[in-house]
Protein backbone atom coordinates (compact mmCIF):
# COMPACT_ATOMS: atom_id res chain seq x y z
CA UNK A 1 0.86 49.72 16.37
CA UNK A 2 -1.33 46.92 14.98
CA UNK A 3 0.29 43.51 15.36
CA UNK A 4 0.95 41.81 12.04
CA UNK A 5 0.01 38.12 11.62
CA UNK A 6 2.87 35.66 11.84
CA UNK A 7 3.01 34.43 8.25
CA UNK A 8 5.67 31.86 9.04
CA UNK A 9 3.52 30.19 11.69
CA UNK A 10 0.54 30.25 9.36
CA UNK A 11 2.48 28.48 6.63
CA UNK A 12 3.77 25.91 9.13
CA UNK A 13 0.28 25.26 10.48
CA UNK A 14 -1.12 24.81 6.96
CA UNK A 15 1.71 22.39 6.14
CA UNK A 16 0.93 20.37 9.28
CA UNK A 17 -2.75 20.21 8.36
CA UNK A 18 -1.83 19.05 4.85
CA UNK A 19 0.59 16.44 6.20
CA UNK A 20 -2.04 15.13 8.63
CA UNK A 21 -4.58 14.92 5.82
CA UNK A 22 -2.18 12.97 3.64
CA UNK A 23 -0.93 10.49 6.23
CA UNK A 24 -4.41 9.90 7.64
CA UNK A 25 -5.86 9.74 4.14
CA UNK A 26 -3.28 7.15 3.08
CA UNK A 27 -3.65 4.82 6.08
CA UNK A 28 -7.40 5.18 6.55
CA UNK A 29 -7.84 5.04 2.77
CA UNK A 30 -5.96 1.76 2.61
CA UNK A 31 -7.84 0.19 5.55
CA UNK A 32 -11.29 1.32 4.42
CA UNK A 33 -10.67 0.03 0.89
CA UNK A 34 -9.48 -3.26 2.36
CA UNK A 35 -12.55 -3.55 4.61
CA UNK A 36 -14.98 -2.83 1.78
CA UNK A 37 -13.25 -5.43 -0.39
CA UNK A 38 -13.13 -8.23 2.20
CA UNK A 39 -16.71 -9.53 1.73
CA UNK A 40 -16.28 -9.74 -2.05
CA UNK A 41 -12.93 -11.54 -2.29
CA UNK A 42 -12.77 -14.39 -4.83
CA UNK A 43 -15.98 -13.36 -6.62
CA UNK A 44 -15.75 -13.30 -10.40
CA UNK A 45 -15.80 -10.17 -12.51
CA UNK A 46 -19.08 -11.30 -14.06
CA UNK A 47 -20.66 -11.77 -10.64
CA UNK A 48 -19.49 -8.33 -9.54
CA UNK A 49 -20.88 -6.74 -12.67
CA UNK A 50 -24.27 -8.29 -11.97
CA UNK A 51 -24.15 -7.56 -8.23
CA UNK A 52 -21.72 -4.65 -7.79
CA UNK A 53 -20.34 -3.39 -4.50
CA UNK A 54 -21.92 -0.03 -3.64
CA UNK A 55 -21.17 0.42 0.05
CA UNK A 56 -19.39 -0.95 3.10
CA UNK A 57 -20.95 -4.29 4.02
CA UNK A 58 -19.98 -7.37 5.98
CA UNK A 59 -19.84 -11.18 6.06
CA UNK A 60 -19.62 -12.53 2.50
CA UNK A 61 -16.41 -14.40 1.58
CA UNK A 62 -14.79 -14.41 5.02
CA UNK A 63 -17.91 -14.03 7.19
CA UNK A 64 -16.49 -10.96 8.92
CA UNK A 65 -18.46 -8.12 10.48
CA UNK A 66 -18.68 -4.83 8.53
CA UNK A 67 -15.54 -2.72 8.80
CA UNK A 68 -13.17 -5.67 9.23
CA UNK A 69 -9.90 -5.28 7.37
CA UNK A 70 -7.54 -8.08 6.42
CA UNK A 71 -3.83 -8.93 6.44
CA UNK A 72 -3.23 -6.10 3.97
CA UNK A 73 -3.95 -3.43 6.57
CA UNK A 74 -2.53 -5.47 9.47
CA UNK A 75 0.93 -5.69 7.91
CA UNK A 76 0.73 -2.06 6.80
CA UNK A 77 0.05 -1.00 10.38
CA UNK A 78 2.83 -3.25 11.70
CA UNK A 79 5.25 -1.50 9.34
CA UNK A 80 3.92 1.94 10.28
CA UNK A 81 4.23 1.23 14.00
CA UNK A 82 7.79 0.03 13.59
CA UNK A 83 8.78 3.16 11.63
CA UNK A 84 7.72 5.41 14.53
CA UNK A 85 11.10 4.56 16.10
CA UNK A 86 13.02 4.74 12.82
CA UNK A 87 13.92 2.22 10.16
CA UNK A 88 14.86 -1.13 11.71
CA UNK A 89 14.50 -4.26 9.60
CA UNK A 90 14.72 -6.56 12.63
CA UNK A 91 11.88 -4.74 14.38
CA UNK A 92 9.72 -4.88 11.26
CA UNK A 93 10.32 -8.63 11.01
CA UNK A 94 9.44 -9.09 14.69
CA UNK A 95 6.17 -7.24 14.23
CA UNK A 96 5.23 -9.39 11.23
CA UNK A 97 5.89 -12.49 13.33
CA UNK A 98 3.84 -11.09 16.20
CA UNK A 99 0.97 -10.41 13.81
CA UNK A 100 0.95 -13.98 12.50
CA UNK A 101 1.39 -15.69 15.88
CA UNK A 102 -0.29 -13.35 18.35
CA UNK A 103 -2.68 -11.22 16.33
CA UNK A 104 -0.80 -7.90 16.51
CA UNK A 105 -2.71 -5.29 14.51
CA UNK A 106 -5.50 -7.64 13.53
CA UNK A 107 -8.91 -6.06 13.10
CA UNK A 108 -10.71 -8.24 15.66
CA UNK A 109 -8.06 -10.33 17.38
CA UNK A 110 -7.39 -13.10 14.88
CA UNK A 111 -5.73 -13.66 11.50
CA UNK A 112 -8.38 -14.87 9.05
CA UNK A 113 -6.57 -14.36 5.73
CA UNK A 114 -2.90 -14.94 4.96
CA UNK A 115 -1.21 -15.65 1.66
CA UNK A 116 0.90 -18.77 1.23
CA UNK A 117 4.08 -16.85 0.35
CA UNK A 118 3.60 -14.44 3.24
CA UNK A 119 2.98 -17.26 5.70
CA UNK A 120 6.07 -19.23 4.65
CA UNK A 121 8.22 -16.11 4.60
CA UNK A 122 7.24 -15.05 8.10
CA UNK A 123 8.11 -18.55 9.35
CA UNK A 124 11.49 -18.06 7.68
CA UNK A 125 11.90 -14.70 9.45
CA UNK A 126 11.24 -16.40 12.78
CA UNK A 127 13.93 -19.01 12.10
CA UNK A 128 16.44 -16.31 11.14
CA UNK A 129 15.81 -14.37 14.35
CA UNK A 130 15.82 -17.47 16.55
CA UNK A 131 19.22 -18.39 15.11
CA UNK A 132 20.42 -14.82 15.64
CA UNK A 133 21.33 -14.43 11.97
CA UNK A 134 19.87 -10.92 11.67
CA UNK A 135 22.25 -9.97 8.85
CA UNK A 136 20.45 -12.56 6.71
CA UNK A 137 17.43 -10.23 6.65
CA UNK A 138 19.38 -7.95 4.32
CA UNK A 139 20.24 -10.73 1.90
CA UNK A 140 16.84 -12.39 1.53
CA UNK A 141 16.49 -10.98 -1.98
CA UNK A 142 19.28 -13.28 -3.20
CA UNK A 143 16.98 -16.26 -2.60
CA UNK A 144 14.23 -14.88 -4.86
CA UNK A 145 11.99 -17.17 -6.90
CA UNK A 146 10.05 -15.83 -9.87
CA UNK A 147 6.86 -17.55 -8.75
CA UNK A 148 6.87 -15.52 -5.53
CA UNK A 149 5.60 -12.35 -7.19
CA UNK A 150 2.28 -12.00 -5.44
CA UNK A 151 0.98 -8.65 -4.26
CA UNK A 152 1.73 -9.28 -0.57
CA UNK A 153 4.49 -6.67 -0.24
CA UNK A 154 2.83 -4.06 -2.47
CA UNK A 155 -0.26 -4.07 -0.25
CA UNK A 156 1.69 -3.04 2.88
CA UNK A 157 4.54 -0.86 1.56
CA UNK A 158 2.91 2.60 1.66
CA UNK A 159 4.04 3.71 5.17
CA UNK A 160 7.65 3.41 4.01
CA UNK A 161 7.07 6.57 1.97
CA UNK A 162 7.39 8.69 5.09
CA UNK A 163 10.78 7.15 5.90
CA UNK A 164 12.39 7.46 2.46
CA UNK A 165 10.81 10.43 0.68
CA UNK A 166 13.36 12.94 -0.53
CA UNK A 167 16.45 10.71 -0.43
CA UNK A 168 18.31 9.47 -3.51
CA UNK A 169 16.41 6.97 -5.66
CA UNK A 170 19.06 4.27 -5.32
CA UNK A 171 18.91 4.48 -1.53
CA UNK A 172 15.11 4.47 -1.67
CA UNK A 173 15.08 1.36 -3.80
CA UNK A 174 17.52 -0.52 -1.58
CA UNK A 175 15.28 0.10 1.45
CA UNK A 176 12.10 -0.76 -0.48
CA UNK A 177 13.65 -4.03 -1.66
CA UNK A 178 14.78 -4.93 1.87
CA UNK A 179 11.28 -4.41 3.24
CA UNK A 180 9.57 -6.13 0.30
CA UNK A 181 11.95 -9.09 0.60
CA UNK A 182 10.78 -9.88 4.12
CA UNK A 183 7.90 -11.64 2.38
CA UNK A 184 8.40 -11.16 -1.38
CA UNK A 185 12.03 -11.34 -2.43
CA UNK A 186 11.96 -10.95 -6.20
CA UNK A 187 13.14 -7.74 -7.87
CA UNK A 188 9.83 -7.55 -9.76
CA UNK A 189 7.88 -7.26 -6.53
CA UNK A 190 10.38 -4.73 -5.22
CA UNK A 191 10.16 -2.65 -8.39
CA UNK A 192 6.35 -2.68 -8.25
CA UNK A 193 6.58 -1.39 -4.68
CA UNK A 194 9.10 1.26 -5.75
CA UNK A 195 6.88 2.47 -8.60
CA UNK A 196 3.95 2.74 -6.19
CA UNK A 197 6.04 4.61 -3.59
CA UNK A 198 7.44 6.94 -6.26
CA UNK A 199 3.95 7.85 -7.45
CA UNK A 200 2.94 8.52 -3.84
CA UNK A 201 6.04 10.66 -3.37
CA UNK A 202 5.18 12.79 -6.39
CA UNK A 203 1.68 13.31 -4.96
CA UNK A 204 3.20 14.35 -1.64
CA UNK A 205 5.28 16.88 -3.53
CA UNK A 206 2.05 18.63 -4.49
CA UNK A 207 1.72 17.49 -8.10
CA UNK A 208 -1.71 16.72 -9.45
CA UNK A 209 -2.21 13.08 -10.31
CA UNK A 210 -1.60 13.57 -14.04
CA UNK A 211 1.70 15.36 -13.41
CA UNK A 212 2.64 12.89 -10.68
CA UNK A 213 2.13 9.91 -12.96
CA UNK A 214 4.16 11.48 -15.77
CA UNK A 215 7.01 12.49 -13.45
CA UNK A 216 7.04 9.08 -11.78
CA UNK A 217 7.37 7.32 -15.12
CA UNK A 218 10.21 9.64 -16.16
CA UNK A 219 12.08 9.06 -12.91
CA UNK A 220 11.60 5.30 -13.03
CA UNK A 221 12.89 5.05 -16.61
CA UNK A 222 15.92 7.16 -15.67
CA UNK A 223 16.50 4.95 -12.64
CA UNK A 224 16.30 1.81 -14.75
CA UNK A 225 19.17 3.18 -16.81
CA UNK A 226 21.19 3.91 -13.68
CA UNK A 227 20.89 0.39 -12.28
CA UNK A 228 20.79 -1.38 -15.64
CA UNK A 229 17.44 -2.92 -14.80
CA UNK A 230 17.21 -6.08 -16.94
CA UNK A 231 15.17 -5.86 -20.13
CA UNK A 232 13.65 -9.21 -19.22
CA UNK A 233 12.08 -7.48 -16.20
CA UNK A 234 11.24 -4.14 -17.84
CA UNK A 235 8.76 -5.84 -20.13
CA UNK A 236 6.55 -6.70 -17.15
CA UNK A 237 6.07 -2.99 -16.53
CA UNK A 238 5.37 -2.17 -20.16
CA UNK A 239 1.77 -1.01 -19.62
CA UNK A 240 2.38 1.10 -16.53
CA UNK A 241 5.79 2.68 -17.26
CA UNK A 242 6.77 2.41 -20.92
CA UNK A 243 3.19 3.26 -21.92
CA UNK A 244 0.32 5.06 -20.23
CA UNK A 245 -1.70 2.52 -18.25
CA UNK A 246 -4.88 4.26 -19.39
CA UNK A 247 -4.28 2.91 -22.88
CA UNK A 248 -5.65 -0.33 -21.46
CA UNK A 249 -9.40 -0.70 -21.59
CA UNK A 250 -11.14 -1.32 -18.28
CA UNK A 251 -12.21 -4.81 -19.32
CA UNK A 252 -8.52 -5.70 -19.90
CA UNK A 253 -7.63 -5.03 -16.26
CA UNK A 254 -7.16 -7.92 -13.84
CA UNK A 255 -7.49 -8.16 -10.07
CA UNK A 256 -5.54 -11.29 -9.30
CA UNK A 257 -2.92 -11.92 -6.64
CA UNK A 258 -0.12 -11.20 -9.16
CA UNK A 259 1.79 -8.05 -8.29
CA UNK A 260 1.74 -6.59 -11.82
CA UNK A 261 -2.03 -7.02 -12.14
CA UNK A 262 -2.51 -5.25 -8.81
CA UNK A 263 -0.13 -2.42 -9.71
CA UNK A 264 -1.76 -1.82 -13.08
CA UNK A 265 -5.36 -1.91 -11.91
CA UNK A 266 -4.77 0.22 -8.82
CA UNK A 267 -3.02 2.99 -10.77
CA UNK A 268 -5.63 2.80 -13.55
CA UNK A 269 -8.54 3.33 -11.15
CA UNK A 270 -6.68 6.02 -9.24
CA UNK A 271 -6.05 7.98 -12.44
CA UNK A 272 -9.43 7.41 -14.06
CA UNK A 273 -11.77 8.06 -11.12
CA UNK A 274 -12.40 11.47 -9.59
CA UNK A 275 -12.85 10.67 -5.90
CA UNK A 276 -12.04 8.15 -3.21
CA UNK A 277 -15.39 6.33 -3.27
CA UNK A 278 -15.40 5.65 -7.01
CA UNK A 279 -11.76 4.56 -6.95
CA UNK A 280 -12.21 1.79 -4.37
CA UNK A 281 -15.62 0.62 -5.57
CA UNK A 282 -14.36 0.56 -9.14
CA UNK A 283 -11.47 -1.77 -8.44
CA UNK A 284 -13.54 -3.98 -6.12
CA UNK A 285 -16.01 -4.52 -8.94
CA UNK A 286 -13.26 -6.20 -10.95
CA UNK A 287 -13.72 -9.16 -8.59
CA UNK A 288 -10.85 -11.45 -7.64
CA UNK A 289 -8.47 -10.10 -5.01
CA UNK A 290 -10.89 -7.35 -4.04
CA UNK A 291 -9.53 -6.45 -0.60
CA UNK A 292 -5.93 -6.07 -1.75
CA UNK A 293 -6.81 -4.15 -4.91
CA UNK A 294 -8.95 -1.71 -2.96
CA UNK A 295 -6.28 -1.36 -0.25
CA UNK A 296 -3.59 -0.46 -2.79
CA UNK A 297 -5.80 1.91 -4.79
CA UNK A 298 -7.42 3.27 -1.63
CA UNK A 299 -4.06 4.20 -0.17
CA UNK A 300 -3.24 6.33 -3.22
CA UNK A 301 -6.70 7.89 -3.39
CA UNK A 302 -6.73 8.67 0.33
CA UNK A 303 -3.28 10.22 0.10
CA UNK A 304 -4.30 12.38 -2.86
CA UNK A 305 -7.82 13.43 -1.92
CA UNK A 306 -7.19 13.56 1.81
CA UNK A 307 -8.80 12.12 4.90
CA UNK A 308 -12.02 14.11 4.41
CA UNK A 309 -12.59 12.45 1.04
CA UNK A 310 -13.33 9.12 2.71
CA UNK A 311 -17.06 8.82 3.44
CA UNK A 312 -17.61 9.46 7.15
CA UNK A 313 -19.91 6.50 7.68
CA UNK A 314 -17.25 4.18 6.25
CA UNK A 315 -14.68 5.55 8.69
CA UNK A 316 -16.99 5.30 11.68
CA UNK A 317 -17.69 1.62 10.98
CA UNK A 318 -13.99 0.78 10.54
CA UNK A 319 -12.61 -1.70 13.08
CA UNK A 320 -10.18 -0.11 15.57
CA UNK A 321 -10.72 3.39 14.24
CA UNK A 322 -9.29 5.01 17.37
CA UNK A 323 -6.24 2.76 17.40
CA UNK A 324 -5.49 3.65 13.78
CA UNK A 325 -6.00 7.32 14.56
CA UNK A 326 -3.55 7.06 17.47
CA UNK A 327 -1.04 5.34 15.19
CA UNK A 328 -1.32 8.19 12.71
CA UNK A 329 -0.78 10.75 15.47
CA UNK A 330 2.33 8.86 16.61
CA UNK A 331 3.68 8.84 13.07
CA UNK A 332 3.14 12.58 12.81
CA UNK A 333 4.95 13.12 16.11
CA UNK A 334 7.94 10.91 15.27
């Protein structure tokens, strides 16, 4: 009798391939976008329009070799490595400290770019751990200041998706806020991270990006009702949640260090462009915080289009490619 193919194994294998493509696409997509953006950081929109980014290059703003990624990817990889052994806020904090002080998960052995809020916050984490007040890590959000709403937690939050996907939204948000608050305590930063993670979760559920964006907005608005999210905060998300972000014209987008600007522009380019390359180059050509914008948008695009969507020559020139690949394999195995 002819042996029938094992359909169950085939489905499992296809699911594993898809999961590998998504995780690798997300992490490589974030790092590649970051690396392409590094040489152009701080350049004006007008300058970028006259001399647009078209490929992976080096030197420029930070005088780094081609393929060098910044703190955006470093802190993302620190979070990802910590999550291999499960969710542990103390371990995440320790890895952030080790990055700042010893160069853990730096592209080439040294920290060359660190935001003021992130730097001060990591020093605060060190004091908390030295004083053995680890419970204080869970209450950092109660010391939030409105001016600390930079994009420094949004840029690194994506690996948390694989820890929290599928659980109740309230539980997801509590974890997202805890992790965001290690450097950026305010509820606005946490909500921006949550919106980003929710969109990524919808993509992981197999929705196309149009459906994923619509479903994310519906779930976020429902969640706001559940937690009675203050109206004074909802207004900051007017363009991305209450309305379709694509109602904004491209020349209205901003690429500053403000978390709302980064959230809006990254989702806009992800939705409007049709492939990974155009997504990251598009947001880089806004100027400003080019590495972070491209990291955030690149993570979404890589997740959605998959690892193979990232140009091969960009991947091969990426600093520590093999180390990142090993990290991805460890995440898949955990």
